[in-house]
């Protein structure tokens, strides 16, 4: 069995952003030379997420509005966590959207459904953060 590991760094220009990372993850798979196995991709920061969904602008706006409705950024004083930092909402949003995805690798390709894409979700951006890609298989 082979193993592959890579860290990918992102720094968004906005506090919240969704980035389609499917092409980057597919490139990692090509680099790994693994044809059959499992790929794990996870955010290495507690205020960021990796998730799978449709790459549709309206849906992304729906996510933003839905998340903001459940865990609004302001007022900062509404959260016990906010004192030194102002990112309690980002922690909650990450919990809702999830930490990682696991994707099957079949015949050297990401085994995704017809509309599925892999996204990096940033909820407290404007600084460098990383995701981990780990692939195991043959």
N, C-alpha and C. Protein backbone atom coordinates (compact mmCIF):
# COMPACT_ATOMS: atom_id res chain seq x y z
N UNK A 1 0.84 -1.18 0.00
CA UNK A 1 0.00 0.00 0.00
C UNK A 1 0.89 1.25 0.00
N UNK A 2 0.47 2.25 -0.79
CA UNK A 2 1.19 3.52 -0.86
C UNK A 2 0.45 4.58 -0.04
N UNK A 3 1.20 5.61 0.31
CA UNK A 3 0.65 6.71 1.07
C UNK A 3 1.18 8.03 0.50
N UNK A 4 0.34 9.05 0.50
CA UNK A 4 0.69 10.37 -0.01
C UNK A 4 0.15 11.40 0.97
N UNK A 5 0.93 12.45 1.23
CA UNK A 5 0.50 13.53 2.13
C UNK A 5 0.97 14.85 1.56
N UNK A 6 0.06 15.83 1.57
CA UNK A 6 0.43 17.17 1.11
C UNK A 6 -0.39 18.20 1.88
N UNK A 7 0.25 19.31 2.25
CA UNK A 7 -0.43 20.45 2.85
C UNK A 7 -0.59 21.52 1.78
N UNK A 8 -1.78 22.09 1.72
CA UNK A 8 -2.06 23.16 0.77
C UNK A 8 -2.49 24.38 1.57
N UNK A 9 -1.88 25.51 1.27
CA UNK A 9 -2.14 26.73 2.02
C UNK A 9 -3.05 27.68 1.25
N UNK A 10 -3.96 28.34 1.98
CA UNK A 10 -4.87 29.33 1.40
C UNK A 10 -4.85 30.58 2.27
N UNK A 11 -5.01 31.72 1.62
CA UNK A 11 -5.24 32.98 2.33
C UNK A 11 -6.29 33.74 1.53
N UNK A 12 -7.47 33.84 2.10
CA UNK A 12 -8.57 34.48 1.39
C UNK A 12 -8.52 35.99 1.60
N UNK A 13 -9.13 36.71 0.67
CA UNK A 13 -9.19 38.16 0.77
C UNK A 13 -10.37 38.65 1.59
N UNK A 14 -11.28 37.73 1.91
CA UNK A 14 -12.49 38.09 2.67
C UNK A 14 -12.56 37.25 3.93
N UNK A 15 -13.38 37.69 4.86
CA UNK A 15 -13.59 36.93 6.10
C UNK A 15 -14.22 35.57 5.81
N UNK A 16 -15.22 35.56 4.91
CA UNK A 16 -15.90 34.30 4.56
C UNK A 16 -15.83 34.10 3.06
N UNK A 17 -15.51 32.86 2.68
CA UNK A 17 -15.38 32.57 1.26
C UNK A 17 -15.48 31.06 1.04
N UNK A 18 -16.02 30.67 -0.11
CA UNK A 18 -16.05 29.28 -0.53
C UNK A 18 -15.20 29.16 -1.78
N UNK A 19 -14.24 28.22 -1.76
CA UNK A 19 -13.32 28.03 -2.88
C UNK A 19 -13.44 26.59 -3.36
N UNK A 20 -13.69 26.43 -4.66
CA UNK A 20 -13.74 25.08 -5.24
C UNK A 20 -12.30 24.58 -5.36
N UNK A 21 -11.97 23.57 -4.58
CA UNK A 21 -10.60 23.03 -4.58
C UNK A 21 -10.52 21.69 -5.32
N UNK A 22 -11.57 21.30 -6.01
CA UNK A 22 -11.59 20.01 -6.71
C UNK A 22 -10.40 19.85 -7.66
N UNK A 23 -10.08 20.85 -8.51
CA UNK A 23 -8.92 20.68 -9.41
C UNK A 23 -7.60 20.49 -8.65
N UNK A 24 -7.44 21.19 -7.55
CA UNK A 24 -6.22 21.06 -6.73
C UNK A 24 -6.13 19.66 -6.12
N UNK A 25 -7.26 19.16 -5.64
CA UNK A 25 -7.28 17.82 -5.03
C UNK A 25 -7.05 16.76 -6.11
N UNK A 26 -7.63 16.96 -7.29
CA UNK A 26 -7.39 16.02 -8.40
C UNK A 26 -5.91 16.00 -8.79
N UNK A 27 -5.26 17.15 -8.74
CA UNK A 27 -3.83 17.21 -9.03
C UNK A 27 -3.03 16.44 -7.97
N UNK A 28 -3.41 16.55 -6.72
CA UNK A 28 -2.77 15.76 -5.66
C UNK A 28 -2.91 14.28 -5.96
N UNK A 29 -4.09 13.88 -6.39
CA UNK A 29 -4.30 12.47 -6.73
C UNK A 29 -3.37 12.04 -7.86
N UNK A 30 -3.23 12.87 -8.89
CA UNK A 30 -2.31 12.54 -10.00
C UNK A 30 -0.87 12.39 -9.48
N UNK A 31 -0.47 13.33 -8.61
CA UNK A 31 0.88 13.28 -8.02
C UNK A 31 1.11 12.00 -7.22
N UNK A 32 0.07 11.51 -6.58
CA UNK A 32 0.20 10.34 -5.70
C UNK A 32 0.44 9.04 -6.45
N UNK A 33 -0.01 8.99 -7.72
CA UNK A 33 0.07 7.76 -8.54
C UNK A 33 -0.71 6.60 -7.90
N UNK A 34 -1.71 6.92 -7.12
CA UNK A 34 -2.57 5.90 -6.50
C UNK A 34 -3.82 5.75 -7.35
N UNK A 35 -4.13 4.51 -7.73
CA UNK A 35 -5.25 4.25 -8.61
C UNK A 35 -6.51 3.79 -7.89
N UNK A 36 -6.35 3.11 -6.77
CA UNK A 36 -7.47 2.61 -5.99
C UNK A 36 -7.19 2.88 -4.52
N UNK A 37 -8.14 3.53 -3.84
CA UNK A 37 -7.92 3.81 -2.43
C UNK A 37 -8.89 4.83 -1.89
N UNK A 38 -8.41 5.58 -0.92
CA UNK A 38 -9.23 6.56 -0.20
C UNK A 38 -8.44 7.85 -0.07
N UNK A 39 -9.14 8.98 -0.26
CA UNK A 39 -8.55 10.30 -0.09
C UNK A 39 -9.26 11.00 1.06
N UNK A 40 -8.49 11.53 1.97
CA UNK A 40 -8.99 12.36 3.06
C UNK A 40 -8.52 13.78 2.82
N UNK A 41 -9.41 14.73 2.93
CA UNK A 41 -9.04 16.14 2.82
C UNK A 41 -9.68 16.86 3.99
N UNK A 42 -8.87 17.49 4.83
CA UNK A 42 -9.43 18.17 5.99
C UNK A 42 -8.78 19.52 6.25
N UNK A 43 -9.60 20.41 6.81
CA UNK A 43 -9.13 21.72 7.23
C UNK A 43 -8.31 21.55 8.51
N UNK A 44 -7.18 22.22 8.56
CA UNK A 44 -6.29 22.12 9.71
C UNK A 44 -6.45 23.33 10.65
N UNK A 45 -7.53 24.06 10.49
CA UNK A 45 -7.82 25.23 11.32
C UNK A 45 -9.28 25.15 11.76
N UNK A 46 -9.54 25.52 12.99
CA UNK A 46 -10.85 25.32 13.61
C UNK A 46 -11.92 26.29 13.11
N UNK A 47 -11.53 27.26 12.28
CA UNK A 47 -12.50 28.20 11.72
C UNK A 47 -12.60 28.07 10.20
N UNK A 48 -12.24 26.91 9.67
CA UNK A 48 -12.34 26.62 8.24
C UNK A 48 -12.92 25.22 8.07
N UNK A 49 -13.40 24.95 6.87
CA UNK A 49 -14.10 23.70 6.60
C UNK A 49 -13.71 23.15 5.24
N UNK A 50 -13.88 21.85 5.08
CA UNK A 50 -13.83 21.21 3.77
C UNK A 50 -15.12 20.42 3.65
N UNK A 51 -15.82 20.62 2.54
CA UNK A 51 -17.11 19.95 2.36
C UNK A 51 -17.35 19.67 0.88
N UNK A 52 -18.32 18.82 0.61
CA UNK A 52 -18.69 18.48 -0.77
C UNK A 52 -20.11 18.98 -1.02
N UNK A 53 -20.26 19.68 -2.16
CA UNK A 53 -21.59 20.09 -2.58
C UNK A 53 -21.52 20.57 -4.02
N UNK A 54 -22.58 21.17 -4.49
CA UNK A 54 -22.72 21.65 -5.86
C UNK A 54 -22.00 23.00 -6.01
N UNK A 55 -21.36 23.23 -7.14
CA UNK A 55 -20.70 24.51 -7.42
C UNK A 55 -21.68 25.43 -8.13
N UNK A 56 -22.59 25.99 -7.35
CA UNK A 56 -23.65 26.84 -7.91
C UNK A 56 -23.72 28.11 -7.07
N UNK A 57 -23.59 29.25 -7.72
CA UNK A 57 -23.50 30.54 -7.04
C UNK A 57 -24.67 30.81 -6.11
N UNK A 58 -25.89 30.52 -6.55
CA UNK A 58 -27.06 30.75 -5.70
C UNK A 58 -27.00 29.91 -4.44
N UNK A 59 -26.56 28.67 -4.57
CA UNK A 59 -26.43 27.80 -3.40
C UNK A 59 -25.40 28.35 -2.44
N UNK A 60 -24.31 28.88 -2.95
CA UNK A 60 -23.27 29.46 -2.08
C UNK A 60 -23.82 30.67 -1.31
N UNK A 61 -24.62 31.47 -1.98
CA UNK A 61 -25.26 32.60 -1.28
C UNK A 61 -26.24 32.08 -0.23
N UNK A 62 -26.96 30.99 -0.55
CA UNK A 62 -27.86 30.38 0.43
C UNK A 62 -27.09 29.89 1.65
N UNK A 63 -25.94 29.24 1.43
CA UNK A 63 -25.11 28.80 2.55
C UNK A 63 -24.74 29.99 3.42
N UNK A 64 -24.26 31.06 2.79
CA UNK A 64 -23.83 32.24 3.52
C UNK A 64 -24.98 32.81 4.37
N UNK A 65 -26.15 32.97 3.76
CA UNK A 65 -27.28 33.52 4.50
C UNK A 65 -27.76 32.58 5.60
N UNK A 66 -27.80 31.29 5.32
CA UNK A 66 -28.23 30.29 6.29
C UNK A 66 -27.28 30.27 7.50
N UNK A 67 -25.98 30.23 7.21
CA UNK A 67 -24.99 30.21 8.29
C UNK A 67 -25.02 31.49 9.11
N UNK A 68 -25.15 32.62 8.42
CA UNK A 68 -25.20 33.91 9.12
C UNK A 68 -26.46 34.01 9.97
N UNK A 69 -27.55 33.40 9.52
CA UNK A 69 -28.77 33.39 10.31
C UNK A 69 -28.62 32.57 11.59
N UNK A 70 -27.90 31.46 11.51
CA UNK A 70 -27.71 30.60 12.69
C UNK A 70 -26.63 31.12 13.62
N UNK A 71 -25.57 31.68 13.06
CA UNK A 71 -24.44 32.16 13.87
C UNK A 71 -23.96 33.49 13.30
N UNK A 72 -24.70 34.57 13.56
CA UNK A 72 -24.32 35.87 13.00
C UNK A 72 -22.97 36.35 13.55
N UNK A 73 -22.21 36.99 12.67
CA UNK A 73 -20.90 37.50 13.09
C UNK A 73 -21.03 38.53 14.21
N UNK A 74 -21.99 39.43 14.06
CA UNK A 74 -22.15 40.53 15.02
C UNK A 74 -23.54 40.48 15.65
N UNK A 75 -23.72 41.01 16.83
CA UNK A 75 -22.72 41.69 17.63
C UNK A 75 -21.74 40.71 18.28
N UNK A 76 -20.50 41.09 18.30
CA UNK A 76 -19.46 40.23 18.87
C UNK A 76 -19.75 39.91 20.34
N UNK A 77 -20.41 40.82 21.02
CA UNK A 77 -20.68 40.65 22.46
C UNK A 77 -21.66 39.52 22.76
N UNK A 78 -22.33 38.98 21.75
CA UNK A 78 -23.30 37.91 22.00
C UNK A 78 -22.63 36.58 22.34
N UNK A 79 -21.32 36.46 22.10
CA UNK A 79 -20.61 35.19 22.28
C UNK A 79 -19.66 35.25 23.48
N UNK A 80 -19.67 34.21 24.27
CA UNK A 80 -18.77 34.11 25.42
C UNK A 80 -17.32 33.98 24.96
N UNK A 81 -17.08 33.34 23.83
CA UNK A 81 -15.72 33.12 23.31
C UNK A 81 -15.04 34.44 22.94
N UNK A 82 -15.82 35.38 22.44
CA UNK A 82 -15.23 36.64 21.98
C UNK A 82 -14.76 37.47 23.17
N UNK A 83 -13.52 37.78 23.14
CA UNK A 83 -12.87 38.60 24.16
C UNK A 83 -11.58 39.04 23.53
N UNK A 84 -10.64 38.12 23.49
CA UNK A 84 -9.38 38.38 22.79
C UNK A 84 -9.59 38.33 21.28
N UNK A 85 -10.48 37.46 20.82
CA UNK A 85 -10.78 37.31 19.40
C UNK A 85 -12.24 37.67 19.14
N UNK A 86 -12.59 37.79 17.85
CA UNK A 86 -13.97 38.10 17.48
C UNK A 86 -14.51 37.06 16.50
N UNK A 87 -14.14 35.80 16.71
CA UNK A 87 -14.46 34.79 15.69
C UNK A 87 -15.30 33.62 16.20
N UNK A 88 -16.05 33.81 17.25
CA UNK A 88 -16.89 32.71 17.76
C UNK A 88 -17.83 32.21 16.68
N UNK A 89 -18.39 33.12 15.90
CA UNK A 89 -19.30 32.70 14.83
C UNK A 89 -18.61 31.77 13.84
N UNK A 90 -17.34 32.01 13.56
CA UNK A 90 -16.58 31.17 12.62
C UNK A 90 -16.41 29.75 13.16
N UNK A 91 -16.20 29.62 14.45
CA UNK A 91 -16.11 28.29 15.06
C UNK A 91 -17.42 27.52 14.89
N UNK A 92 -18.53 28.21 15.12
CA UNK A 92 -19.84 27.57 15.00
C UNK A 92 -20.14 27.21 13.54
N UNK A 93 -19.82 28.10 12.62
CA UNK A 93 -20.06 27.83 11.19
C UNK A 93 -19.25 26.62 10.73
N UNK A 94 -18.01 26.52 11.18
CA UNK A 94 -17.18 25.37 10.81
C UNK A 94 -17.79 24.08 11.34
N UNK A 95 -18.32 24.10 12.55
CA UNK A 95 -18.93 22.91 13.12
C UNK A 95 -20.11 22.45 12.26
N UNK A 96 -20.89 23.39 11.78
CA UNK A 96 -22.04 23.07 10.94
C UNK A 96 -21.60 22.50 9.59
N UNK A 97 -20.60 23.10 8.96
CA UNK A 97 -20.18 22.71 7.61
C UNK A 97 -19.24 21.50 7.59
N UNK A 98 -18.62 21.20 8.72
CA UNK A 98 -17.79 20.00 8.80
C UNK A 98 -16.31 20.27 8.63
N UNK A 99 -15.53 19.31 9.08
CA UNK A 99 -14.08 19.41 9.10
C UNK A 99 -13.44 18.83 7.86
N UNK A 100 -13.99 17.69 7.35
CA UNK A 100 -13.29 16.95 6.31
C UNK A 100 -14.24 16.23 5.37
N UNK A 101 -13.63 15.75 4.29
CA UNK A 101 -14.33 14.86 3.37
C UNK A 101 -13.44 13.64 3.12
N UNK A 102 -14.09 12.53 2.84
CA UNK A 102 -13.42 11.30 2.42
C UNK A 102 -14.00 10.94 1.06
N UNK A 103 -13.12 10.71 0.09
CA UNK A 103 -13.56 10.41 -1.27
C UNK A 103 -12.89 9.11 -1.72
N UNK A 104 -13.67 8.23 -2.30
CA UNK A 104 -13.11 7.00 -2.87
C UNK A 104 -12.30 7.35 -4.11
N UNK A 105 -11.24 6.58 -4.33
CA UNK A 105 -10.41 6.70 -5.53
C UNK A 105 -10.66 5.44 -6.35
N UNK A 106 -11.11 5.62 -7.57
CA UNK A 106 -11.40 4.50 -8.45
C UNK A 106 -10.77 4.76 -9.82
N UNK A 107 -9.95 3.82 -10.26
CA UNK A 107 -9.26 3.93 -11.54
C UNK A 107 -8.53 5.26 -11.69
N UNK A 108 -7.90 5.70 -10.59
CA UNK A 108 -7.08 6.92 -10.60
C UNK A 108 -7.84 8.22 -10.61
N UNK A 109 -9.15 8.16 -10.33
CA UNK A 109 -9.97 9.38 -10.35
C UNK A 109 -10.76 9.52 -9.05
N UNK A 110 -11.10 10.78 -8.72
CA UNK A 110 -11.99 11.03 -7.59
C UNK A 110 -13.36 10.45 -7.93
N UNK A 111 -13.88 9.61 -7.08
CA UNK A 111 -15.16 8.95 -7.35
C UNK A 111 -16.29 9.80 -6.76
N UNK A 112 -16.58 10.93 -7.43
CA UNK A 112 -17.59 11.89 -6.99
C UNK A 112 -18.87 11.70 -7.79
N UNK A 113 -19.99 12.10 -7.20
CA UNK A 113 -21.26 12.07 -7.90
C UNK A 113 -21.30 13.13 -8.99
N UNK A 114 -22.36 13.14 -9.81
CA UNK A 114 -22.40 13.99 -11.00
C UNK A 114 -22.21 15.49 -10.74
N UNK A 115 -22.69 16.02 -9.64
CA UNK A 115 -22.58 17.45 -9.37
C UNK A 115 -21.64 17.75 -8.22
N UNK A 116 -21.06 16.72 -7.62
CA UNK A 116 -20.25 16.92 -6.43
C UNK A 116 -18.90 17.57 -6.75
N UNK A 117 -18.57 18.56 -5.93
CA UNK A 117 -17.28 19.25 -5.98
C UNK A 117 -16.79 19.40 -4.55
N UNK A 118 -15.49 19.53 -4.38
CA UNK A 118 -14.89 19.68 -3.06
C UNK A 118 -14.59 21.17 -2.83
N UNK A 119 -15.00 21.67 -1.67
CA UNK A 119 -14.83 23.08 -1.35
C UNK A 119 -14.05 23.29 -0.06
N UNK A 120 -13.29 24.38 -0.06
CA UNK A 120 -12.69 24.92 1.15
C UNK A 120 -13.61 26.05 1.59
N UNK A 121 -14.10 25.98 2.81
CA UNK A 121 -14.95 27.03 3.37
C UNK A 121 -14.17 27.80 4.42
N UNK A 122 -14.03 29.08 4.20
CA UNK A 122 -13.31 29.95 5.13
C UNK A 122 -14.32 30.82 5.87
N UNK A 123 -14.22 30.85 7.20
CA UNK A 123 -15.17 31.59 8.01
C UNK A 123 -14.52 32.67 8.87
N UNK A 124 -13.19 32.75 8.84
CA UNK A 124 -12.44 33.77 9.58
C UNK A 124 -11.15 34.03 8.81
N UNK A 125 -11.28 34.55 7.62
CA UNK A 125 -10.17 34.63 6.67
C UNK A 125 -9.23 35.80 6.86
N UNK A 126 -8.52 36.08 5.78
CA UNK A 126 -7.51 37.13 5.68
C UNK A 126 -6.22 36.76 6.41
N UNK A 127 -5.99 35.45 6.55
CA UNK A 127 -4.71 34.96 7.08
C UNK A 127 -4.48 33.56 6.54
N UNK A 128 -3.22 33.13 6.54
CA UNK A 128 -2.85 31.84 5.96
C UNK A 128 -3.37 30.68 6.80
N UNK A 129 -4.01 29.74 6.09
CA UNK A 129 -4.49 28.52 6.72
C UNK A 129 -4.23 27.37 5.77
N UNK A 130 -4.24 26.15 6.30
CA UNK A 130 -3.88 25.01 5.46
C UNK A 130 -4.94 23.92 5.52
N UNK A 131 -4.92 23.13 4.46
CA UNK A 131 -5.69 21.90 4.45
C UNK A 131 -4.70 20.76 4.24
N UNK A 132 -5.09 19.60 4.71
CA UNK A 132 -4.28 18.39 4.58
C UNK A 132 -4.95 17.46 3.57
N UNK A 133 -4.15 16.93 2.65
CA UNK A 133 -4.61 15.89 1.75
C UNK A 133 -3.82 14.64 2.07
N UNK A 134 -4.51 13.57 2.38
CA UNK A 134 -3.88 12.28 2.69
C UNK A 134 -4.55 11.23 1.82
N UNK A 135 -3.75 10.50 1.04
CA UNK A 135 -4.27 9.48 0.16
C UNK A 135 -3.57 8.16 0.48
N UNK A 136 -4.35 7.11 0.64
CA UNK A 136 -3.77 5.78 0.84
C UNK A 136 -4.42 4.82 -0.15
N UNK A 137 -3.62 3.88 -0.62
CA UNK A 137 -4.14 2.89 -1.56
C UNK A 137 -3.03 2.28 -2.38
N UNK A 138 -3.42 1.76 -3.53
CA UNK A 138 -2.47 1.08 -4.41
C UNK A 138 -2.51 1.67 -5.80
